[in-house]
Amino acid sequence: MTPASTGASTRVDAVASVPSAPQPSVETRMSPGGPGYRRMSLALFLAGVATFALLYSTQALLPLVSSDFAVSASDASWTVSAATGGLALFVLPMSALSERFGRRTVMTASLAVAVTLGLLVPFAPSLGALVALRALQGAALAGLPASATAYLAEEVTPRALVTAIGLFVAGNSVGGMSGRVITGWVAQEWGWRAAVGVIGLVAVACAVAFRMLLPVPRHFEAGSLAPRVLAGTVRRHLGNPLLRRLFAIGALFMTVFGGVYTVIGYRLTEEPFSLPQGVAGSVFLVYLVGTVSASAAGRLVGRLGRRGALYAGGATTAAGLLLSLADTLPLVLLGLVLITAGFFAGHAVASSAVGRTATEGRAQAAALYQSAYYIGSSAGSAVGALAFHAGGWSGTVAVGLVAVAGVAAITLAGTRAAARTGEAAPA
């Protein structure tokens, strides 16, 4: 109706139609090139370095640990499995603490305890004491992965989330690589105890820099520590078919990775390669490939979609496993490159999908993913070592191929579910 027909004032309408003054943007989350993003990225990168360097500090040293304590490869592998198992068991309770006390606080406390234990590890008098210290160290580190993912989901814009988590995962790969390479060369000269001591000092430096660099969170809202509330959140996450698929994918990818890198040191120091400990440890330089593939996960998703990226990661990992069966060192190394690239890409895609899918209790969702992920690591380390003892390297490869087949089957199930329901799901 016109103003004349309603009796409304033309003057009032004119005032109402005047455009309001431009409102400032309400987006205060971090994005590439924006305030705080670079400091945040570096801080979490260093946290990733410290986490993986500490968590897997004994992995490249297992032949020396076996020799020192006169135990088998499967017994020595418990120094890795205990750490990852401790993390898997405690990641959910630690995520609950981060919901109440804040991501930054829990991550700082976790690193502080873990690096303190890392300085005690070199003095373990027996294998049992070493395994116990490593289990406690893994439990302490449980505050890092889930809290970091939740921090990023809350503080970073959705468009930048895959890239940001990819950088954190890249820090994992650098920590895993540097820890194993450093320990290999230090152990060759001064033994495994000196080697893990050096890793402890490196982790101290990373922890201090992390605390100084990480911006104070602006979007954290404290949650409840009530067991009933936590149980309800966990139940809802486990009832989500998409999240269940992502948890399983993370576990299976890590089963491959844990198995391969737990026993690769034995394979390279035995016939037909017979490499010195330092040279065998240097093979972990292939982790740099993981740094690149994790950082590029966002671009891969942009080209292939999330399911396509998961298929690509699984296929790359499987190709690497098959190549590693060769008795020619260059082909084995190429196989490790492909395994590493496929694993880190798949892990970055799956973990970022968890952060985007969970609309509540993000720390618990991330914790469930991390718990499944490190259960996969523990299982891969233990089963991979047993398979190596029973059937050599081909046994470990067989375990890995079964796990990759599981990734493909779960991703395919997600693709079919999406086709039936129109689900806009990452897996």
Protein backbone atom coordinates (compact mmCIF):
# COMPACT_ATOMS: atom_id res chain seq x y z
CA MET A 1 0.00 0.00 0.00
CA THR A 2 1.06 3.59 -0.63
CA PRO A 3 1.58 6.06 2.21
CA ALA A 4 -1.59 7.91 1.15
CA SER A 5 -3.78 4.82 1.45
CA THR A 6 -2.49 3.90 4.91
CA GLY A 7 -2.23 7.30 6.43
CA ALA A 8 1.46 6.70 7.16
CA SER A 9 3.78 9.63 6.98
CA THR A 10 5.91 9.91 3.86
CA ARG A 11 8.60 11.49 6.05
CA VAL A 12 8.73 8.44 8.31
CA ASP A 13 9.11 6.13 5.32
CA ALA A 14 11.88 8.26 3.95
CA VAL A 15 13.73 8.09 7.24
CA ALA A 16 13.25 4.35 7.43
CA SER A 17 14.61 3.86 3.95
CA VAL A 18 17.86 5.65 4.65
CA PRO A 19 20.63 3.01 4.66
CA SER A 20 22.08 2.44 8.09
CA ALA A 21 25.76 3.09 8.67
CA PRO A 22 28.03 0.16 7.78
CA GLN A 23 28.42 -2.17 10.72
CA PRO A 24 31.86 -3.51 11.67
CA SER A 25 32.50 -7.18 10.91
CA VAL A 26 31.63 -9.49 13.79
CA GLU A 27 34.12 -12.12 12.62
CA THR A 28 36.87 -12.17 15.22
CA ARG A 29 38.28 -15.60 14.50
CA MET A 30 41.75 -15.94 13.04
CA SER A 31 42.43 -16.46 9.36
CA PRO A 32 45.58 -16.56 7.20
CA GLY A 33 47.16 -13.12 7.06
CA GLY A 34 45.07 -11.87 9.98
CA PRO A 35 46.18 -10.84 13.48
CA GLY A 36 47.53 -13.65 15.59
CA TYR A 37 47.25 -16.36 12.93
CA ARG A 38 50.99 -16.69 12.35
CA ARG A 39 51.79 -16.81 16.07
CA MET A 40 49.04 -19.35 16.63
CA SER A 41 50.26 -21.51 13.75
CA LEU A 42 53.85 -21.48 15.01
CA ALA A 43 52.79 -22.20 18.59
CA LEU A 44 50.71 -25.23 17.66
CA PHE A 45 53.34 -26.37 15.18
CA LEU A 46 55.86 -26.43 18.05
CA ALA A 47 53.34 -28.22 20.28
CA GLY A 48 53.00 -30.85 17.55
CA VAL A 49 56.78 -31.15 17.33
CA ALA A 50 57.08 -31.71 21.08
CA THR A 51 54.17 -34.16 21.20
CA PHE A 52 55.41 -36.52 18.50
CA ALA A 53 59.09 -36.18 19.46
CA LEU A 54 58.29 -37.28 23.02
CA LEU A 55 55.61 -39.81 22.16
CA TYR A 56 57.81 -41.76 19.76
CA SER A 57 61.21 -41.00 21.25
CA THR A 58 62.07 -44.70 21.72
CA GLN A 59 60.75 -45.97 18.39
CA ALA A 60 63.95 -45.58 16.37
CA LEU A 61 65.92 -46.95 19.32
CA LEU A 62 64.11 -50.26 19.77
CA PRO A 63 67.02 -52.43 18.55
CA LEU A 64 69.27 -50.77 21.17
CA VAL A 65 66.61 -51.08 23.87
CA SER A 66 66.23 -54.78 22.98
CA SER A 67 69.98 -55.26 23.27
CA ASP A 68 70.36 -53.28 26.51
CA PHE A 69 67.59 -55.13 28.35
CA ALA A 70 68.05 -58.45 26.48
CA VAL A 71 64.43 -58.56 25.28
CA SER A 72 62.69 -59.29 21.98
CA ALA A 73 61.36 -56.76 19.46
CA SER A 74 57.78 -57.31 20.62
CA ASP A 75 58.80 -56.70 24.27
CA ALA A 76 60.72 -53.54 23.41
CA SER A 77 57.80 -52.28 21.31
CA TRP A 78 55.86 -51.78 24.54
CA THR A 79 57.93 -48.65 25.18
CA VAL A 80 56.00 -47.19 22.22
CA SER A 81 52.66 -48.92 22.78
CA ALA A 82 52.56 -47.87 26.45
CA ALA A 83 52.95 -44.20 25.54
CA THR A 84 50.32 -44.24 22.81
CA GLY A 85 48.05 -46.41 24.96
CA GLY A 86 48.33 -43.96 27.87
CA LEU A 87 47.39 -41.14 25.56
CA ALA A 88 44.42 -43.08 24.15
CA LEU A 89 43.08 -43.84 27.64
CA PHE A 90 43.42 -40.32 29.03
CA VAL A 91 42.58 -38.15 26.05
CA LEU A 92 38.84 -38.11 26.86
CA PRO A 93 39.23 -37.13 30.55
CA MET A 94 41.78 -34.48 29.55
CA SER A 95 39.38 -33.10 26.96
CA ALA A 96 36.77 -32.73 29.69
CA LEU A 97 39.27 -30.71 31.73
CA SER A 98 39.89 -28.49 28.70
CA GLU A 99 36.14 -27.85 28.41
CA ARG A 100 36.15 -26.59 32.00
CA PHE A 101 39.53 -24.90 32.42
CA GLY A 102 40.36 -23.87 28.87
CA ARG A 103 42.33 -25.28 25.95
CA ARG A 104 45.42 -23.14 26.49
CA THR A 105 45.66 -23.99 30.20
CA VAL A 106 45.33 -27.74 29.67
CA MET A 107 47.78 -27.80 26.76
CA THR A 108 50.36 -25.90 28.81
CA ALA A 109 49.98 -28.18 31.84
CA SER A 110 50.15 -31.31 29.68
CA LEU A 111 53.37 -30.22 28.01
CA ALA A 112 54.92 -29.25 31.35
CA VAL A 113 54.28 -32.68 32.89
CA ALA A 114 55.30 -34.56 29.73
CA VAL A 115 58.64 -32.79 29.37
CA THR A 116 59.40 -33.34 33.06
CA LEU A 117 58.81 -37.07 32.63
CA GLY A 118 60.87 -36.95 29.44
CA LEU A 119 63.86 -35.83 31.47
CA LEU A 120 63.39 -38.84 33.80
CA VAL A 121 63.12 -41.47 31.04
CA PRO A 122 66.90 -41.77 30.44
CA PHE A 123 67.35 -42.95 34.03
CA ALA A 124 64.91 -45.89 33.86
CA PRO A 125 66.68 -48.85 35.56
CA SER A 126 64.67 -51.62 33.83
CA LEU A 127 62.34 -52.25 30.93
CA GLY A 128 59.37 -52.30 33.32
CA ALA A 129 60.29 -48.88 34.73
CA LEU A 130 60.83 -47.52 31.21
CA VAL A 131 57.42 -48.77 30.07
CA ALA A 132 55.76 -47.26 33.17
CA LEU A 133 57.38 -43.86 32.61
CA ARG A 134 56.38 -43.94 28.95
CA ALA A 135 52.77 -44.76 29.88
CA LEU A 136 52.67 -41.77 32.26
CA GLN A 137 54.22 -39.59 29.57
CA GLY A 138 51.55 -40.62 27.08
CA ALA A 139 48.82 -39.88 29.63
CA ALA A 140 50.29 -36.41 30.19
CA LEU A 141 50.44 -35.71 26.46
CA ALA A 142 46.74 -36.60 26.16
CA GLY A 143 45.88 -32.97 26.90
CA LEU A 144 47.46 -31.78 23.65
CA PRO A 145 45.79 -33.30 20.57
CA ALA A 146 42.11 -32.94 21.43
CA SER A 147 42.56 -29.52 23.03
CA ALA A 148 44.52 -28.26 20.03
CA THR A 149 41.86 -29.41 17.57
CA ALA A 150 39.10 -27.84 19.68
CA TYR A 151 41.09 -24.60 20.03
CA LEU A 152 41.45 -24.37 16.25
CA ALA A 153 37.77 -25.18 15.63
CA GLU A 154 36.81 -22.32 17.97
CA GLU A 155 39.44 -19.72 17.09
CA VAL A 156 40.00 -20.17 13.33
CA THR A 157 37.55 -19.37 10.52
CA PRO A 158 35.88 -22.47 9.01
CA ARG A 159 37.49 -21.89 5.61
CA ALA A 160 40.96 -21.99 7.15
CA LEU A 161 40.34 -24.93 9.51
CA VAL A 162 41.71 -27.75 7.32
CA THR A 163 44.86 -25.76 6.59
CA ALA A 164 45.34 -24.84 10.25
CA ILE A 165 44.94 -28.43 11.44
CA GLY A 166 47.21 -29.50 8.60
CA LEU A 167 49.92 -27.24 10.03
CA PHE A 168 49.46 -28.80 13.47
CA VAL A 169 49.71 -32.27 11.94
CA ALA A 170 52.78 -31.06 10.02
CA GLY A 171 54.31 -30.24 13.40
CA ASN A 172 53.57 -33.84 14.40
CA SER A 173 55.49 -35.05 11.36
CA VAL A 174 58.46 -32.77 12.03
CA GLY A 175 58.53 -33.88 15.67
CA GLY A 176 58.37 -37.53 14.68
CA MET A 177 61.07 -37.08 12.06
CA SER A 178 63.47 -34.96 14.11
CA GLY A 179 63.04 -37.12 17.20
CA ARG A 180 63.90 -40.28 15.34
CA VAL A 181 66.77 -38.82 13.32
CA ILE A 182 68.34 -37.09 16.33
CA THR A 183 67.99 -40.15 18.53
CA GLY A 184 69.49 -42.38 15.84
CA TRP A 185 72.71 -40.40 15.54
CA VAL A 186 73.05 -39.55 19.23
CA ALA A 187 72.45 -43.19 20.18
CA GLN A 188 75.09 -44.38 17.75
CA GLU A 189 77.71 -42.40 19.69
CA TRP A 190 76.41 -42.29 23.27
CA GLY A 191 73.59 -44.84 23.59
CA TRP A 192 69.82 -44.70 23.71
CA ARG A 193 69.66 -43.03 27.15
CA ALA A 194 71.56 -39.97 25.97
CA ALA A 195 69.38 -39.88 22.87
CA VAL A 196 66.06 -39.70 24.74
CA GLY A 197 67.60 -37.13 27.09
CA VAL A 198 68.36 -34.85 24.14
CA ILE A 199 64.75 -35.21 22.95
CA GLY A 200 63.58 -34.18 26.40
CA LEU A 201 65.61 -30.96 26.20
CA VAL A 202 64.28 -30.19 22.72
CA ALA A 203 60.73 -30.66 24.02
CA VAL A 204 61.40 -28.25 26.91
CA ALA A 205 62.37 -25.53 24.42
CA CYS A 206 59.25 -26.21 22.32
CA ALA A 207 57.02 -26.06 25.40
CA VAL A 208 58.38 -22.70 26.52
CA ALA A 209 58.01 -21.19 23.04
CA PHE A 210 54.47 -22.60 22.73
CA ARG A 211 53.34 -20.88 25.91
CA MET A 212 54.87 -17.57 24.88
CA LEU A 213 53.38 -17.59 21.36
CA LEU A 214 49.86 -19.03 21.63
CA PRO A 215 47.23 -16.25 21.61
CA VAL A 216 44.72 -16.15 24.45
CA PRO A 217 41.48 -17.78 23.23
CA ARG A 218 38.59 -15.40 22.52
CA HIS A 219 35.76 -17.83 21.80
CA PHE A 220 36.12 -20.43 24.55
CA GLU A 221 33.05 -20.98 26.74
CA ALA A 222 33.56 -23.09 29.83
CA GLY A 223 31.54 -26.28 29.98
CA SER A 224 30.53 -28.63 32.75
CA LEU A 225 32.64 -31.33 34.36
CA ALA A 226 29.54 -33.21 35.51
CA PRO A 227 29.90 -36.89 34.50
CA ARG A 228 26.27 -36.98 33.32
CA VAL A 229 26.85 -34.07 30.93
CA LEU A 230 30.10 -35.56 29.63
CA ALA A 231 28.50 -38.99 29.17
CA GLY A 232 25.62 -37.43 27.24
CA THR A 233 27.98 -35.58 24.92
CA VAL A 234 30.05 -38.69 24.29
CA ARG A 235 26.91 -40.74 23.66
CA ARG A 236 25.67 -38.26 21.07
CA HIS A 237 29.05 -38.25 19.30
CA LEU A 238 29.19 -42.03 19.23
CA GLY A 239 25.63 -42.07 17.91
CA ASN A 240 26.65 -39.96 14.90
CA PRO A 241 27.41 -42.34 11.98
CA LEU A 242 29.72 -39.84 10.30
CA LEU A 243 31.83 -39.35 13.42
CA ARG A 244 32.03 -43.11 13.97
CA ARG A 245 33.38 -43.53 10.45
CA LEU A 246 35.96 -40.79 10.98
CA PHE A 247 37.10 -42.34 14.28
CA ALA A 248 37.56 -45.71 12.58
CA ILE A 249 39.44 -44.17 9.65
CA GLY A 250 41.87 -42.43 12.02
CA ALA A 251 42.47 -45.69 13.92
CA LEU A 252 43.11 -47.69 10.75
CA PHE A 253 45.46 -45.15 9.20
CA MET A 254 47.47 -45.10 12.42
CA THR A 255 47.54 -48.90 12.60
CA VAL A 256 49.48 -48.88 9.34
CA PHE A 257 51.81 -46.10 10.41
CA GLY A 258 52.46 -47.46 13.90
CA GLY A 259 53.25 -50.94 12.62
CA VAL A 260 55.56 -49.81 9.83
CA TYR A 261 57.64 -47.37 11.86
CA THR A 262 57.87 -49.58 14.94
CA VAL A 263 59.71 -52.35 13.09
CA ILE A 264 61.42 -50.51 10.21
CA GLY A 265 64.52 -50.02 12.37
CA TYR A 266 64.86 -53.78 12.81
CA ARG A 267 64.48 -54.39 9.08
CA LEU A 268 67.08 -51.79 8.09
CA THR A 269 69.68 -52.89 10.67
CA GLU A 270 69.32 -56.56 9.73
CA GLU A 271 70.10 -58.41 6.50
CA PRO A 272 70.07 -57.63 3.60
CA PHE A 273 70.62 -53.93 4.47
CA SER A 274 72.65 -54.05 7.74
CA LEU A 275 72.63 -50.25 8.13
CA PRO A 276 74.33 -48.58 11.14
CA GLN A 277 71.93 -47.19 13.79
CA GLY A 278 72.53 -43.57 12.78
CA VAL A 279 71.88 -44.26 9.10
CA ALA A 280 68.78 -46.33 9.93
CA GLY A 281 67.49 -43.49 12.10
CA SER A 282 67.98 -41.04 9.24
CA VAL A 283 65.35 -42.89 7.23
CA PHE A 284 62.84 -40.96 9.30
CA LEU A 285 63.72 -37.89 7.26
CA VAL A 286 60.92 -39.10 5.02
CA TYR A 287 58.62 -37.55 7.65
CA LEU A 288 59.30 -34.28 5.82
CA VAL A 289 57.04 -35.67 3.11
CA GLY A 290 54.33 -35.92 5.76
CA THR A 291 54.88 -32.27 6.63
CA VAL A 292 54.18 -31.32 3.02
CA SER A 293 51.22 -33.66 2.52
CA ALA A 294 49.54 -32.61 5.79
CA SER A 295 50.00 -28.92 4.99
CA ALA A 296 48.57 -29.52 1.50
CA ALA A 297 45.52 -31.42 2.76
CA GLY A 298 43.29 -28.37 2.38
CA ARG A 299 44.19 -28.02 -1.31
CA LEU A 300 43.69 -31.75 -1.84
CA VAL A 301 40.19 -31.54 -0.37
CA GLY A 302 39.49 -28.54 -2.60
CA ARG A 303 40.31 -30.59 -5.68
CA LEU A 304 38.97 -34.03 -4.80
CA GLY A 305 36.50 -33.46 -2.00
CA ARG A 306 36.98 -35.02 1.40
CA ARG A 307 36.06 -38.54 0.39
CA GLY A 308 38.25 -38.29 -2.69
CA ALA A 309 41.14 -37.11 -0.52
CA LEU A 310 40.65 -40.10 1.80
CA TYR A 311 40.62 -42.51 -1.16
CA ALA A 312 43.81 -40.87 -2.45
CA GLY A 313 45.51 -41.14 0.95
CA GLY A 314 44.59 -44.81 1.27
CA ALA A 315 45.71 -45.68 -2.27
CA THR A 316 49.04 -43.88 -1.76
CA THR A 317 49.62 -45.73 1.51
CA ALA A 318 48.83 -49.11 -0.07
CA ALA A 319 51.18 -48.45 -2.99
CA GLY A 320 53.95 -47.62 -0.52
CA LEU A 321 53.39 -50.81 1.45
CA LEU A 322 53.70 -52.93 -1.68
CA LEU A 323 56.85 -51.10 -2.83
CA SER A 324 58.48 -51.60 0.57
CA LEU A 325 58.47 -55.37 0.05
CA ALA A 326 61.43 -55.01 -2.33
CA ASP A 327 64.91 -55.95 -1.13
CA THR A 328 66.36 -52.89 -2.85
CA LEU A 329 66.97 -49.96 -0.49
CA PRO A 330 65.85 -47.18 -2.92
CA LEU A 331 62.50 -48.94 -3.45
CA VAL A 332 62.04 -49.45 0.28
CA LEU A 333 62.69 -45.74 0.84
CA LEU A 334 60.25 -44.78 -1.92
CA GLY A 335 57.70 -47.05 -0.29
CA LEU A 336 58.19 -45.26 3.05
CA VAL A 337 57.77 -41.90 1.31
CA LEU A 338 54.40 -42.98 -0.11
CA ILE A 339 53.24 -44.54 3.17
CA THR A 340 54.12 -41.34 5.02
CA ALA A 341 52.51 -39.01 2.47
CA GLY A 342 49.30 -41.04 2.35
CA PHE A 343 49.04 -41.37 6.11
CA PHE A 344 49.54 -37.71 6.98
CA ALA A 345 47.17 -36.51 4.26
CA GLY A 346 44.46 -38.95 5.38
CA HIS A 347 44.93 -38.06 9.04
CA ALA A 348 44.74 -34.30 8.40
CA VAL A 349 41.56 -34.70 6.34
CA ALA A 350 39.82 -36.99 8.85
CA SER A 351 40.76 -34.98 11.96
CA SER A 352 39.66 -31.67 10.42
CA ALA A 353 36.36 -33.29 9.37
CA VAL A 354 35.72 -34.17 13.03
CA GLY A 355 36.19 -30.52 14.02
CA ARG A 356 33.75 -29.35 11.35
CA THR A 357 31.15 -32.05 12.05
CA ALA A 358 30.87 -31.65 15.82
CA THR A 359 28.68 -28.65 16.66
CA GLU A 360 28.90 -29.20 20.42
CA GLY A 361 31.48 -30.75 22.71
CA ARG A 362 34.21 -30.28 20.14
CA ALA A 363 36.92 -31.27 22.61
CA GLN A 364 35.12 -34.55 23.33
CA ALA A 365 34.67 -35.25 19.60
CA ALA A 366 38.35 -34.55 18.99
CA ALA A 367 39.23 -36.65 22.04
CA LEU A 368 37.27 -39.63 20.75
CA TYR A 369 39.05 -39.30 17.41
CA GLN A 370 42.43 -39.07 19.11
CA SER A 371 41.60 -42.00 21.37
CA ALA A 372 40.74 -44.16 18.37
CA TYR A 373 43.81 -42.84 16.55
CA TYR A 374 46.22 -43.79 19.33
CA ILE A 375 44.51 -47.10 20.00
CA GLY A 376 45.32 -47.73 16.34
CA SER A 377 48.91 -46.71 17.00
CA SER A 378 49.23 -49.05 19.98
CA ALA A 379 47.61 -51.90 18.08
CA GLY A 380 49.77 -51.24 15.04
CA SER A 381 52.95 -51.19 17.10
CA ALA A 382 52.11 -54.40 18.96
CA VAL A 383 50.56 -56.36 16.08
CA GLY A 384 53.13 -55.08 13.58
CA ALA A 385 55.97 -56.25 15.82
CA LEU A 386 54.33 -59.64 16.35
CA ALA A 387 53.75 -60.00 12.60
CA PHE A 388 57.39 -59.07 11.95
CA HIS A 389 58.55 -61.66 14.48
CA ALA A 390 56.34 -64.31 12.90
CA GLY A 391 56.67 -63.55 9.19
CA GLY A 392 59.26 -60.84 8.69
CA TRP A 393 58.57 -57.57 6.90
CA SER A 394 55.91 -59.16 4.68
CA GLY A 395 53.89 -59.92 7.82
CA THR A 396 53.94 -56.26 8.85
CA VAL A 397 52.96 -55.22 5.33
CA ALA A 398 50.03 -57.65 5.36
CA VAL A 399 48.72 -56.04 8.56
CA GLY A 400 49.01 -52.61 6.91
CA LEU A 401 47.18 -53.66 3.75
CA VAL A 402 44.28 -55.04 5.78
CA ALA A 403 44.02 -51.71 7.62
CA VAL A 404 44.09 -49.72 4.35
CA ALA A 405 41.36 -51.95 2.95
CA GLY A 406 39.33 -51.02 6.03
CA VAL A 407 39.81 -47.31 5.29
CA ALA A 408 38.59 -47.80 1.74
CA ALA A 409 35.56 -49.84 2.84
CA ILE A 410 34.50 -47.27 5.46
CA THR A 411 34.92 -44.35 3.06
CA LEU A 412 32.90 -46.23 0.44
CA ALA A 413 30.16 -46.82 3.02
CA GLY A 414 30.13 -43.07 3.67
CA THR A 415 29.87 -42.34 -0.04
CA ARG A 416 26.88 -44.69 -0.39
CA ALA A 417 25.21 -43.26 2.71
CA ALA A 418 25.56 -39.77 1.29
CA ALA A 419 24.08 -40.88 -2.03
CA ARG A 420 21.04 -42.33 -0.23
CA THR A 421 20.41 -39.47 2.20
CA GLY A 422 22.00 -36.42 0.59
CA GLU A 423 24.39 -36.24 3.54
CA ALA A 424 27.03 -33.53 3.09
CA ALA A 425 29.56 -35.60 4.95
CA PRO A 426 33.33 -35.70 4.77
CA ALA A 427 33.60 -39.50 4.87
